[in-house]
Protein backbone atom coordinates (compact mmCIF):
# COMPACT_ATOMS: atom_id res chain seq x y z
CA MET A 1 -39.08 7.61 -5.06
CA PRO A 2 -38.18 8.97 -1.56
CA THR A 3 -35.13 10.84 -1.13
CA SER A 4 -33.04 8.54 1.17
CA ARG A 5 -33.61 5.91 -1.35
CA ARG A 6 -32.69 7.99 -4.19
CA ALA A 7 -29.60 9.07 -2.39
CA PHE A 8 -28.85 5.20 -1.69
CA LEU A 9 -29.24 3.93 -5.33
CA ALA A 10 -27.00 7.19 -6.32
CA ALA A 11 -24.39 6.06 -3.97
CA ALA A 12 -24.34 2.26 -5.20
CA SER A 13 -24.12 3.59 -8.79
CA ALA A 14 -21.18 5.79 -7.87
CA ALA A 15 -19.64 2.53 -6.13
CA SER A 16 -20.15 0.16 -9.29
CA THR A 17 -18.23 2.61 -11.55
CA GLY A 18 -15.28 2.94 -9.54
CA LEU A 19 -15.82 6.37 -8.04
CA ALA A 20 -14.72 7.46 -4.71
CA PHE A 21 -17.07 8.06 -2.01
CA THR A 22 -16.63 11.30 0.45
CA ALA A 23 -17.93 11.51 3.85
CA LYS A 24 -20.37 13.98 2.58
CA SER A 25 -21.97 11.86 0.13
CA TYR A 26 -22.00 8.82 2.17
CA ALA A 27 -23.68 10.40 5.03
CA GLN A 28 -26.83 10.67 3.07
CA ILE A 29 -27.20 7.08 2.72
CA VAL A 30 -29.95 5.65 5.09
CA GLY A 31 -28.62 4.35 8.61
CA SER A 32 -25.18 6.27 8.06
CA ASN A 33 -25.31 7.29 11.87
CA ASN A 34 -24.54 3.62 12.56
CA ARG A 35 -20.59 4.13 12.64
CA VAL A 36 -17.87 1.36 11.56
CA HIS A 37 -15.67 0.77 14.43
CA PHE A 38 -12.02 0.68 13.71
CA ALA A 39 -8.94 -0.53 15.41
CA VAL A 40 -5.56 1.10 14.09
CA ILE A 41 -2.22 -1.10 14.59
CA GLY A 42 1.03 -0.08 13.92
CA LEU A 43 1.01 3.74 14.98
CA ASN A 44 4.14 5.25 13.79
CA SER A 45 4.13 7.42 10.39
CA ARG A 46 1.53 6.10 7.97
CA ALA A 47 -0.80 5.47 10.84
CA HIS A 48 -1.62 9.14 11.10
CA ALA A 49 -2.73 9.30 7.65
CA HIS A 50 -5.20 6.69 8.70
CA LEU A 51 -6.38 8.71 11.54
CA SER A 52 -6.65 11.80 9.56
CA SER A 53 -8.71 9.83 6.81
CA LEU A 54 -11.05 8.52 9.45
CA GLN A 55 -11.41 11.94 11.02
CA ALA A 56 -12.37 13.01 7.44
CA ASN A 57 -15.07 10.22 7.52
CA LYS A 58 -15.78 10.52 11.42
CA ALA A 59 -19.63 11.13 10.28
CA ASP A 60 -19.48 7.38 9.62
CA ALA A 61 -16.48 6.06 11.55
CA ARG A 62 -15.07 5.72 15.03
CA ILE A 63 -11.73 4.38 16.41
CA VAL A 64 -12.45 2.36 19.16
CA ALA A 65 -8.95 0.96 19.78
CA VAL A 66 -5.30 1.28 18.99
CA ALA A 67 -2.22 -0.76 19.49
CA ASP A 68 1.41 -0.56 19.11
CA VAL A 69 4.22 -2.34 20.76
CA ASP A 70 5.98 0.81 21.58
CA SER A 71 4.19 2.75 24.60
CA VAL A 72 5.61 5.94 23.74
CA ILE A 73 4.19 5.63 20.34
CA LEU A 74 0.88 4.08 21.65
CA LYS A 75 0.13 7.09 24.04
CA LYS A 76 1.25 9.68 21.18
CA PHE A 77 -1.32 8.08 18.78
CA ALA A 78 -3.79 7.63 21.50
CA ASP A 79 -3.69 11.20 22.50
CA ALA A 80 -3.82 12.26 19.00
CA THR A 81 -7.18 10.13 18.34
CA VAL A 82 -8.61 11.94 21.34
CA LYS A 83 -8.10 15.17 19.82
CA ALA A 84 -9.20 14.10 16.21
CA MET A 85 -12.13 11.84 17.02
CA GLY A 86 -13.34 13.28 20.32
CA VAL A 87 -13.31 9.81 22.11
CA ALA A 88 -10.54 8.07 23.80
CA PRO A 89 -9.62 4.87 22.08
CA ARG A 90 -8.78 1.66 24.31
CA ALA A 91 -4.97 1.24 23.87
CA GLU A 92 -3.25 -1.87 23.92
CA GLN A 93 0.72 -2.86 23.44
CA ASP A 94 -0.38 -6.35 22.24
CA PHE A 95 -2.74 -6.29 19.05
CA ARG A 96 -4.09 -9.80 19.48
CA LYS A 97 -6.31 -8.65 22.54
CA LEU A 98 -8.22 -6.43 19.91
CA LEU A 99 -9.05 -9.35 17.48
CA THR A 100 -11.43 -11.00 20.17
CA SER A 101 -13.20 -7.75 20.67
CA SER A 102 -16.86 -7.37 19.50
CA ASP A 103 -16.82 -3.73 19.24
CA VAL A 104 -14.13 -3.83 16.26
CA ASP A 105 -15.51 -4.15 12.66
CA VAL A 106 -12.27 -3.27 10.90
CA ILE A 107 -8.54 -3.56 11.48
CA THR A 108 -5.96 -1.20 9.80
CA ILE A 109 -2.43 -2.31 9.65
CA ALA A 110 0.32 0.31 9.12
CA THR A 111 3.15 -2.20 11.10
CA PRO A 112 6.39 -3.02 9.48
CA ASP A 113 6.01 -4.92 6.51
CA HIS A 114 6.91 -8.29 7.74
CA TRP A 115 3.64 -8.28 9.84
CA HIS A 116 1.04 -7.12 7.18
CA ALA A 117 0.01 -10.54 5.72
CA PRO A 118 0.21 -12.52 9.10
CA MET A 119 -1.71 -9.74 10.87
CA ALA A 120 -4.28 -9.24 8.23
CA MET A 121 -4.82 -13.29 8.00
CA LEU A 122 -5.26 -13.30 11.74
CA ALA A 123 -7.77 -10.56 11.70
CA LEU A 124 -9.87 -11.87 8.95
CA GLN A 125 -9.69 -15.21 10.66
CA ALA A 126 -11.34 -13.67 13.72
CA GLY A 127 -14.15 -12.28 11.61
CA LYS A 128 -12.65 -8.50 11.17
CA HIS A 129 -12.56 -6.67 8.03
CA VAL A 130 -9.25 -5.50 7.09
CA TYR A 131 -7.22 -2.43 5.39
CA VAL A 132 -3.56 -3.29 5.15
CA GLU A 133 -1.12 -0.98 3.79
CA LYS A 134 1.24 -1.69 1.03
CA PRO A 135 2.71 -4.12 0.42
CA CYS A 136 0.21 -6.42 1.48
CA SER A 137 2.54 -9.11 2.11
CA TYR A 138 6.28 -9.72 3.03
CA ASN A 139 6.70 -12.09 0.20
CA PRO A 140 4.73 -13.84 -2.74
CA GLN A 141 3.87 -17.10 -0.65
CA GLU A 142 2.12 -14.60 2.15
CA GLY A 143 0.54 -12.90 -0.52
CA GLU A 144 -1.19 -16.07 -1.96
CA TRP A 145 -2.02 -17.10 1.88
CA LEU A 146 -3.60 -13.61 2.40
CA VAL A 147 -5.67 -13.93 -0.80
CA ALA A 148 -6.77 -17.31 0.06
CA THR A 149 -7.72 -16.34 3.87
CA GLN A 150 -9.76 -13.31 2.54
CA LYS A 151 -11.81 -15.71 0.05
CA LYS A 152 -12.31 -18.48 2.77
CA THR A 153 -13.42 -15.82 5.54
CA GLY A 154 -15.43 -13.95 3.25
CA LYS A 155 -14.31 -10.59 5.07
CA LEU A 156 -13.44 -7.57 3.13
CA CYS A 157 -9.62 -6.58 2.61
CA GLN A 158 -8.69 -3.43 1.09
CA MET A 159 -5.04 -2.87 0.28
CA GLY A 160 -3.75 0.60 1.03
CA SER A 161 -2.74 1.65 -2.64
CA GLN A 162 -4.97 4.80 -2.36
CA GLN A 163 -4.62 6.07 -5.96
CA ARG A 164 -7.06 3.48 -7.00
CA SER A 165 -9.50 5.63 -5.13
CA SER A 166 -8.06 9.00 -6.56
CA PRO A 167 -11.19 10.25 -9.07
CA HIS A 168 -8.47 12.01 -11.46
CA THR A 169 -6.58 8.71 -11.62
CA GLN A 170 -9.84 6.70 -12.35
CA GLN A 171 -10.72 9.22 -14.74
CA ILE A 172 -7.75 9.45 -16.90
CA VAL A 173 -7.19 5.54 -16.72
CA ALA A 174 -10.64 5.08 -18.21
CA LYS A 175 -9.87 7.45 -20.87
CA ILE A 176 -6.58 5.56 -21.54
CA LYS A 177 -8.42 2.37 -21.63
CA ALA A 178 -10.82 4.16 -24.07
CA GLY A 179 -8.04 4.98 -26.61
CA LEU A 180 -7.02 8.26 -25.56
CA VAL A 181 -3.01 7.64 -26.54
CA GLY A 182 -3.83 4.81 -29.12
CA LYS A 183 -2.32 1.70 -28.18
CA ALA A 184 -0.93 1.97 -24.57
CA TYR A 185 2.11 -0.36 -24.68
CA TRP A 186 4.53 1.18 -21.91
CA GLY A 187 3.98 2.41 -18.47
CA GLU A 188 6.98 4.08 -17.13
CA THR A 189 7.31 4.36 -13.31
CA TRP A 190 9.56 6.15 -11.03
CA TYR A 191 10.26 7.27 -7.50
CA ALA A 192 12.92 9.74 -5.87
CA ASN A 193 13.82 10.96 -2.85
CA THR A 194 17.14 12.14 -0.73
CA ARG A 195 17.20 9.85 1.84
CA LYS A 196 20.50 10.21 4.04
CA SER A 197 22.64 7.47 5.65
CA ILE A 198 21.44 5.18 8.35
CA GLY A 199 24.92 4.68 9.64
CA THR A 200 25.96 1.60 11.81
CA GLY A 201 23.85 0.29 14.28
CA VAL A 202 25.15 -0.37 17.81
CA PRO A 203 23.71 -3.22 19.77
CA THR A 204 22.14 -1.96 22.96
CA HIS A 205 19.41 -2.67 25.65
CA VAL A 206 15.97 -3.00 24.32
CA PRO A 207 14.18 0.07 25.72
CA SER A 208 11.87 -0.61 28.44
CA THR A 209 8.78 0.90 26.52
CA LEU A 210 9.35 -1.56 23.38
CA ASP A 211 8.14 -5.12 23.29
CA TRP A 212 10.88 -6.25 20.85
CA ASP A 213 9.68 -9.79 20.80
CA LEU A 214 6.24 -9.07 19.55
CA TRP A 215 7.80 -6.30 17.23
CA GLN A 216 9.74 -9.07 15.53
CA GLY A 217 6.77 -11.58 15.54
CA PRO A 218 6.95 -13.89 12.65
CA ALA A 219 10.56 -12.99 11.72
CA PRO A 220 13.55 -14.72 12.99
CA ARG A 221 15.01 -13.47 16.19
CA GLU A 222 18.03 -10.43 15.85
CA PRO A 223 19.48 -8.62 18.68
CA TYR A 224 18.11 -4.97 19.17
CA ARG A 225 20.16 -2.36 17.70
CA ASP A 226 19.84 1.09 17.80
CA ASN A 227 19.13 2.24 14.01
CA VAL A 228 16.01 -0.09 13.26
CA HIS A 229 13.20 0.99 15.24
CA PRO A 230 10.95 3.19 14.54
CA TYR A 231 11.42 3.75 10.86
CA ASN A 232 14.68 2.34 9.31
CA TRP A 233 13.27 -1.35 9.46
CA HIS A 234 12.44 -0.71 5.81
CA TRP A 235 16.05 -1.19 4.78
CA PHE A 236 16.65 -4.26 6.49
CA ARG A 237 15.83 -7.64 4.92
CA ALA A 238 14.38 -9.57 7.99
CA TRP A 239 11.58 -7.03 8.43
CA GLY A 240 11.61 -4.43 5.09
CA THR A 241 11.13 -4.69 1.51
CA GLY A 242 13.30 -2.01 0.42
CA GLU A 243 12.01 1.12 -1.87
CA SER A 244 10.34 -0.86 -4.53
CA LEU A 245 7.67 -2.07 -1.86
CA ASN A 246 7.71 0.97 0.01
CA ASN A 247 7.09 3.33 -2.68
CA GLY A 248 7.24 1.42 -5.99
CA THR A 249 4.15 -0.68 -5.43
CA HIS A 250 2.01 2.44 -5.87
CA GLU A 251 3.34 3.50 -9.29
CA VAL A 252 3.66 -0.05 -10.72
CA ASP A 253 -0.06 -0.59 -9.56
CA VAL A 254 -1.33 2.38 -11.49
CA ALA A 255 0.87 1.31 -14.57
CA ARG A 256 -0.59 -2.14 -14.41
CA TRP A 257 -4.23 -0.93 -13.93
CA ALA A 258 -3.84 1.52 -16.99
CA LEU A 259 -2.36 -1.13 -19.30
CA GLY A 260 -4.84 -3.90 -18.07
CA VAL A 261 -1.93 -6.78 -17.61
CA GLU A 262 -1.38 -8.98 -14.57
CA TYR A 263 1.59 -11.09 -14.10
CA PRO A 264 4.55 -10.47 -16.70
CA ASN A 265 6.71 -13.10 -18.65
CA ARG A 266 10.06 -11.97 -17.35
CA VAL A 267 11.58 -9.43 -14.74
CA THR A 268 15.13 -8.11 -14.71
CA ALA A 269 16.49 -5.79 -11.97
CA ALA A 270 19.83 -4.03 -11.83
CA GLY A 271 21.16 -1.59 -9.19
CA GLY A 272 23.03 -1.14 -6.10
CA ARG A 273 23.75 0.62 -2.84
CA TYR A 274 25.98 3.62 -4.24
CA ALA A 275 25.32 6.84 -2.19
CA PHE A 276 26.47 5.53 1.18
CA HIS A 277 28.05 2.43 2.91
CA ASP A 278 26.05 1.61 5.94
CA ASP A 279 23.78 -0.98 7.55
CA TRP A 280 21.03 -0.35 4.56
CA GLN A 281 20.67 -3.82 3.19
CA PHE A 282 18.77 -2.89 -0.12
CA TYR A 283 19.75 -0.68 -3.24
CA ASP A 284 19.46 2.79 -3.32
CA THR A 285 19.23 2.81 -7.08
CA LEU A 286 17.38 0.36 -9.07
CA ASP A 287 16.07 -0.02 -12.54
CA THR A 288 13.55 -2.62 -13.23
CA SER A 289 11.66 -4.23 -16.17
CA PHE A 290 8.51 -6.22 -16.11
CA GLU A 291 8.19 -7.49 -19.61
CA TYR A 292 4.78 -8.72 -20.96
CA PRO A 293 4.11 -10.16 -24.63
CA ASP A 294 2.69 -6.88 -25.71
CA HIS A 295 3.72 -4.40 -23.05
CA LEU A 296 6.48 -3.26 -20.79
CA ILE A 297 6.37 -1.84 -17.27
CA THR A 298 9.52 -0.08 -16.20
CA TRP A 299 10.33 1.37 -12.40
CA LYS A 300 13.20 3.61 -11.72
CA GLY A 301 13.70 3.89 -7.99
CA SER A 302 16.20 6.47 -6.73
CA CYS A 303 16.04 6.78 -3.20
CA CYS A 304 19.01 9.30 -2.80
CA SER A 305 18.87 11.06 -5.63
CA GLY A 306 16.09 13.98 -5.98
CA LYS A 307 16.23 14.48 -9.60
CA LYS A 308 12.69 14.45 -10.90
CA THR A 309 11.33 12.97 -14.06
CA TYR A 310 8.87 15.11 -16.09
CA GLY A 311 8.99 17.55 -13.14
CA ARG A 312 7.68 15.03 -10.56
CA ASP A 313 9.55 13.04 -8.03
CA ARG A 314 7.24 10.11 -8.49
CA GLY A 315 4.77 9.50 -11.06
CA ILE A 316 3.51 7.02 -14.13
CA ALA A 317 4.00 7.96 -17.68
CA ILE A 318 1.67 5.65 -19.87
CA HIS A 319 2.84 5.68 -23.46
CA GLY A 320 1.01 4.83 -26.63
CA THR A 321 0.80 4.85 -30.40
CA GLY A 322 -1.01 8.52 -30.07
CA GLY A 323 0.98 9.99 -27.33
CA THR A 324 1.62 9.89 -23.78
CA VAL A 325 -0.18 10.69 -20.21
CA VAL A 326 1.99 11.72 -17.43
CA ILE A 327 -0.17 10.95 -14.00
CA ASP A 328 0.97 11.80 -10.65
CA ARG A 329 -1.18 12.10 -7.07
CA ALA A 330 -1.71 15.97 -8.13
CA GLY A 331 -3.14 15.38 -11.60
CA TYR A 332 -2.10 14.64 -15.14
CA ASP A 333 -0.79 15.67 -18.37
CA VAL A 334 -1.40 14.69 -21.67
CA PHE A 335 1.09 14.95 -24.61
CA ASP A 336 0.89 14.40 -28.47
CA GLN A 337 3.67 12.66 -30.27
CA LYS A 338 5.33 15.75 -30.92
CA ASP A 339 5.84 16.45 -26.98
CA GLN A 340 3.08 19.01 -26.62
CA ILE A 341 0.62 19.29 -23.74
CA ILE A 342 -2.85 19.02 -25.01
CA ASP A 343 -4.75 18.51 -22.22
CA GLY A 344 -4.39 18.52 -18.11
CA TYR A 345 -5.72 18.38 -14.97
CA ARG A 346 -4.50 19.45 -11.47
CA VAL A 347 -6.34 18.84 -7.90
CA PRO A 348 -7.46 21.96 -6.42
CA THR A 349 -6.73 20.54 -2.78
CA HIS A 350 -4.47 18.36 -0.41
CA ALA A 351 -4.40 15.22 -2.93
CA ALA A 352 -0.73 15.27 -3.09
CA THR A 353 2.25 14.79 -0.71
CA ALA A 354 5.84 15.03 -1.11
CA SER A 355 8.37 11.87 -1.36
CA ALA A 356 9.95 12.95 1.84
CA ASP A 357 6.70 12.90 3.91
CA THR A 358 6.49 9.72 5.71
CA VAL A 359 2.99 10.07 7.05
CA GLY A 360 1.12 10.78 3.33
CA ALA A 361 -2.07 12.07 4.56
CA ASP A 362 -4.15 13.12 1.50
CA SER A 363 -7.56 13.34 0.01
CA MET A 364 -7.11 10.02 -1.86
CA THR A 365 -6.47 8.21 1.41
CA ASP A 366 -9.65 9.96 2.63
CA ALA A 367 -11.72 8.42 -0.29
CA HIS A 368 -10.02 5.21 -0.05
CA PHE A 369 -11.13 4.75 3.56
CA ALA A 370 -14.54 6.08 2.64
CA ASN A 371 -14.68 3.31 0.06
CA LEU A 372 -14.16 0.74 2.37
CA ILE A 373 -16.82 2.03 4.87
CA ALA A 374 -19.13 2.14 1.86
CA ALA A 375 -18.50 -1.57 1.44
CA VAL A 376 -18.70 -2.59 4.55
CA ARG A 377 -21.88 -0.56 5.05
CA ILE A 378 -23.92 -1.35 1.68
CA GLY A 379 -21.70 -3.78 -0.19
CA ALA A 380 -19.83 -1.12 -2.63
CA PRO A 381 -17.14 -2.89 -4.32
CA LEU A 382 -13.53 -2.03 -3.19
CA ASN A 383 -11.56 -0.02 -5.34
CA GLN A 384 -8.36 -2.27 -4.30
CA PRO A 385 -9.72 -5.71 -3.05
CA ILE A 386 -6.59 -7.73 -2.18
CA ALA A 387 -6.86 -10.24 -4.87
CA GLN A 388 -5.91 -7.30 -6.94
CA GLY A 389 -3.50 -5.22 -4.74
CA ASN A 390 -1.69 -8.60 -4.42
CA VAL A 391 -0.78 -8.83 -7.91
CA SER A 392 1.00 -5.45 -7.99
CA THR A 393 2.56 -6.43 -4.83
CA THR A 394 3.94 -9.61 -6.23
CA LEU A 395 5.54 -7.62 -9.23
CA VAL A 396 7.76 -5.30 -7.12
CA GLN A 397 8.67 -8.56 -4.68
CA LEU A 398 9.77 -10.56 -7.90
CA SER A 399 12.00 -7.25 -8.65
CA ASN A 400 13.50 -7.70 -5.39
CA ILE A 401 14.25 -11.38 -6.27
CA ALA A 402 15.63 -10.50 -9.59
CA TYR A 403 17.82 -7.95 -8.14
CA PHE A 404 19.38 -10.17 -5.12
CA THR A 405 20.00 -13.24 -7.59
CA GLN A 406 21.10 -10.96 -10.41
CA ARG A 407 19.48 -12.99 -12.99
CA VAL A 408 16.46 -12.67 -15.53
CA LEU A 409 13.22 -14.34 -13.75
CA THR A 410 11.07 -16.34 -16.16
CA LEU A 411 7.59 -16.59 -14.96
CA ASP A 412 4.56 -18.55 -15.56
CA ALA A 413 2.18 -15.56 -16.36
CA ALA A 414 -1.03 -17.15 -15.20
CA THR A 415 0.20 -17.65 -11.74
CA GLY A 416 3.18 -14.99 -11.48
CA HIS A 417 5.32 -18.30 -10.10
CA ILE A 418 9.13 -18.17 -11.12
CA THR A 419 10.00 -21.24 -13.43
CA GLY A 420 13.39 -22.81 -14.05
CA ASP A 421 15.17 -21.35 -11.19
CA LYS A 422 14.99 -23.03 -7.67
CA GLU A 423 17.18 -20.68 -5.91
CA ALA A 424 14.96 -17.64 -6.99
CA GLU A 425 11.75 -19.67 -6.36
CA ALA A 426 13.03 -20.24 -2.93
CA MET A 427 13.17 -16.53 -2.15
CA THR A 428 9.44 -16.40 -2.62
CA ARG A 429 8.71 -17.75 0.78
CA ARG A 430 10.72 -17.13 4.34
CA THR A 431 11.73 -19.13 7.32
CA TYR A 432 9.54 -18.24 10.65
CA GLU A 433 10.15 -17.91 14.13
CA LYS A 434 9.14 -21.11 16.09
CA GLY A 435 5.71 -20.94 16.64
CA TRP A 436 5.04 -17.43 14.74
CA ALA A 437 4.23 -19.08 11.41
CA PRO A 438 0.84 -17.95 9.72
CA LYS A 439 -1.80 -20.63 9.90
CA VAL A 440 -3.59 -20.74 6.43
């Protein structure tokens, strides 16, 4: 068998078992010099992790275009792209100009949350593959629309829950499923940070460098104020989804993966905005339970208290009848029922980032992009296809609904739909600015 053919089969075999591709291994595949062309959209904070990961995979990837509604952020990112990739990308304030570009294969989306699903749908409908950051949608209805659009177009759509491409997480999840801790029944998840007050915004003129109308896009129009852009939109309900979706999506997804569950039967949530009294429209402290017939997933979000759990500012503990595994982005520890560590692993390189890091460039994201590139190039299975990522996204969206209604949500476990509560069910969708509603 020729060496190139052997390399191809080895890579395909690795993909079928869920192992992450790296730039080094992928470059051995026949034809790898034909790079996949990317356009990156939404260029503040997390987009720099996209850039870092495409640089790590630059033997197989090229950034041909970038877009952001803020011309200052656009220029900064375009300059960084030249430095990282060696080629100047086309820069646009209006991302829609990139959708018809024949030289763009994949759109990556790191915009505010309210744009994720509508933009991903437009890209899929334009014949582009998509990498969309978590959460993949603003509400459950948009998530269903996005899944349906991907299925209809047949293009690839990977959600940016990069721990699905973490080799140590893949390995420990496989061991848990094989009975490492006996019957695994409880996934305990958490996130802690020390976020400060965002204050009270002052209405002001829109900066000349910002297209505020396009920034709002599908959201109903609101006047510009000085404490929203470019990051604090996370904490406003018109555009953001709170800490549960901002970070909890990651940990809840790993717990769901390890336990092998999808939609729960009941969701409860309790918490509030306690640390500060400002414009922040979500909780800073939240406890959520996702209840299944034989399993439980809990999520503890602590935006303003940096107190760690099991010595980690974020992570997942999978409890079973024979022990517990505590997992984070830097490794894992296995405990017996006497609370003694009996095994463990630590990642030797830059797999982990602190909770306060809003960029989050790491080797997991590198591997997640490498997996998408392999899927585009040779048909490798995605580690987090949108149909799967949407289940985890929907769970934490339901957590928000339970919090805002202050009621227990009862679900149809087959679909994740709320039953018997019209007010709560109405919160699974939104009103759009006229002319901006997604087309399914």
